[in-house]
Amino acid sequence: MTPVTLALHTVDIGTLPTHDFIAYCDSLITRVQHSWDAGADVVVLPEYVWQGLELLAPEPSLNSFAKWFWRECWPRLREALSHPQKTVVLG
């Protein structure tokens, strides 16, 4: 049986980023990649990793945030975090 190494992260939802969405998305990518580089096979971020970010949208609404996520953030995440031997759970 091959061992699997997990990296479990937490996020402080009380500290929303004051910068743009892309910078936040990139910071999550960096956290995952650092965990993989440190030997993790699976990186797990909590389900609330995206909570509250809709308040930073140009039009603060869940709909505006969802549009941003699928158009801007998801393609970045998919490209940066697609790895044949690694896994990430993004909340």
Protein backbone atom coordinates (compact mmCIF):
# COMPACT_ATOMS: atom_id res chain seq x y z
CA MET A 1 0.00 0.00 0.00
CA THR A 2 1.38 3.39 -1.01
CA PRO A 3 1.15 6.09 1.68
CA VAL A 4 -0.62 9.36 0.89
CA THR A 5 0.52 12.64 2.42
CA LEU A 6 -2.17 15.23 3.19
CA ALA A 7 -1.78 18.97 3.70
CA LEU A 8 -4.78 20.50 5.48
CA HIS A 9 -5.15 24.27 5.37
CA THR A 10 -7.41 26.74 7.08
CA VAL A 11 -8.48 30.22 6.05
CA ASP A 12 -9.42 33.11 8.33
CA ILE A 13 -12.66 34.41 6.83
CA GLY A 14 -12.46 37.36 9.20
CA THR A 15 -9.51 38.66 7.21
CA LEU A 16 -10.74 39.30 3.71
CA PRO A 17 -8.11 40.35 1.19
CA THR A 18 -8.06 44.06 0.45
CA HIS A 19 -6.66 43.43 -3.01
CA ASP A 20 -8.30 42.09 -6.14
CA PHE A 21 -9.80 38.67 -6.78
CA ILE A 22 -6.96 37.52 -9.03
CA ALA A 23 -4.39 38.19 -6.32
CA TYR A 24 -6.46 36.10 -3.89
CA CYS A 25 -6.83 33.31 -6.44
CA ASP A 26 -3.06 33.39 -7.07
CA SER A 27 -2.37 33.25 -3.33
CA LEU A 28 -4.38 30.00 -3.11
CA ILE A 29 -2.45 28.59 -6.06
CA THR A 30 0.81 29.45 -4.31
CA ARG A 31 -0.31 27.76 -1.06
CA VAL A 32 -1.23 24.58 -2.91
CA GLN A 33 1.98 24.50 -4.94
CA HIS A 34 4.10 25.06 -1.81
CA SER A 35 2.35 22.13 -0.12
CA TRP A 36 2.96 19.91 -3.14
CA ASP A 37 6.62 20.98 -3.22
CA ALA A 38 6.86 20.07 0.48
CA GLY A 39 5.71 16.53 -0.30
CA ALA A 40 1.91 16.61 -0.03
CA ASP A 41 -0.04 14.38 -2.40
CA VAL A 42 -3.41 15.89 -1.50
CA VAL A 43 -4.04 19.50 -0.43
CA VAL A 44 -7.37 20.30 1.25
CA LEU A 45 -8.71 23.84 1.63
CA PRO A 46 -11.86 24.39 3.71
CA GLU A 47 -15.29 24.82 2.18
CA TYR A 48 -15.40 28.45 3.30
CA VAL A 49 -12.26 29.45 1.37
CA TRP A 50 -14.46 31.59 -0.92
CA GLN A 51 -16.89 32.85 1.75
CA GLY A 52 -17.34 36.58 1.93
CA LEU A 53 -15.40 37.37 -1.24
CA GLU A 54 -18.57 38.35 -3.07
CA LEU A 55 -18.45 41.56 -0.99
CA LEU A 56 -15.33 42.58 -2.95
CA ALA A 57 -16.99 42.26 -6.34
CA PRO A 58 -17.52 45.49 -8.30
CA GLU A 59 -21.23 44.87 -7.80
CA PRO A 60 -21.34 43.14 -4.39
CA SER A 61 -23.52 40.15 -5.09
CA LEU A 62 -23.21 36.41 -5.23
CA ASN A 63 -24.12 36.50 -8.93
CA SER A 64 -21.31 38.95 -9.73
CA PHE A 65 -18.84 36.86 -7.77
CA ALA A 66 -19.96 33.63 -9.50
CA LYS A 67 -19.45 35.20 -12.91
CA TRP A 68 -15.97 36.36 -11.94
CA PHE A 69 -15.05 32.97 -10.49
CA TRP A 70 -16.00 30.94 -13.57
CA ARG A 71 -14.59 33.44 -16.10
CA GLU A 72 -11.42 34.60 -14.38
CA CYS A 73 -10.41 32.44 -11.44
CA TRP A 74 -11.39 28.92 -12.47
CA PRO A 75 -9.27 28.88 -15.68
CA ARG A 76 -6.24 30.03 -13.64
CA LEU A 77 -6.85 27.38 -10.99
CA ARG A 78 -7.39 24.63 -13.54
CA GLU A 79 -4.23 25.47 -15.46
CA ALA A 80 -1.97 25.94 -12.43
CA LEU A 81 -3.28 23.05 -10.33
CA SER A 82 -3.68 20.28 -12.90
CA HIS A 83 -1.06 17.74 -11.95
CA PRO A 84 -1.17 14.04 -12.88
CA GLN A 85 0.13 12.82 -9.50
CA LYS A 86 -1.40 15.41 -7.15
CA THR A 87 -4.85 16.38 -5.90
CA VAL A 88 -6.38 19.54 -4.46
CA VAL A 89 -9.78 20.07 -2.83
CA LEU A 90 -10.74 23.73 -3.20
CA GLY A 91 -13.40 23.85 -0.53
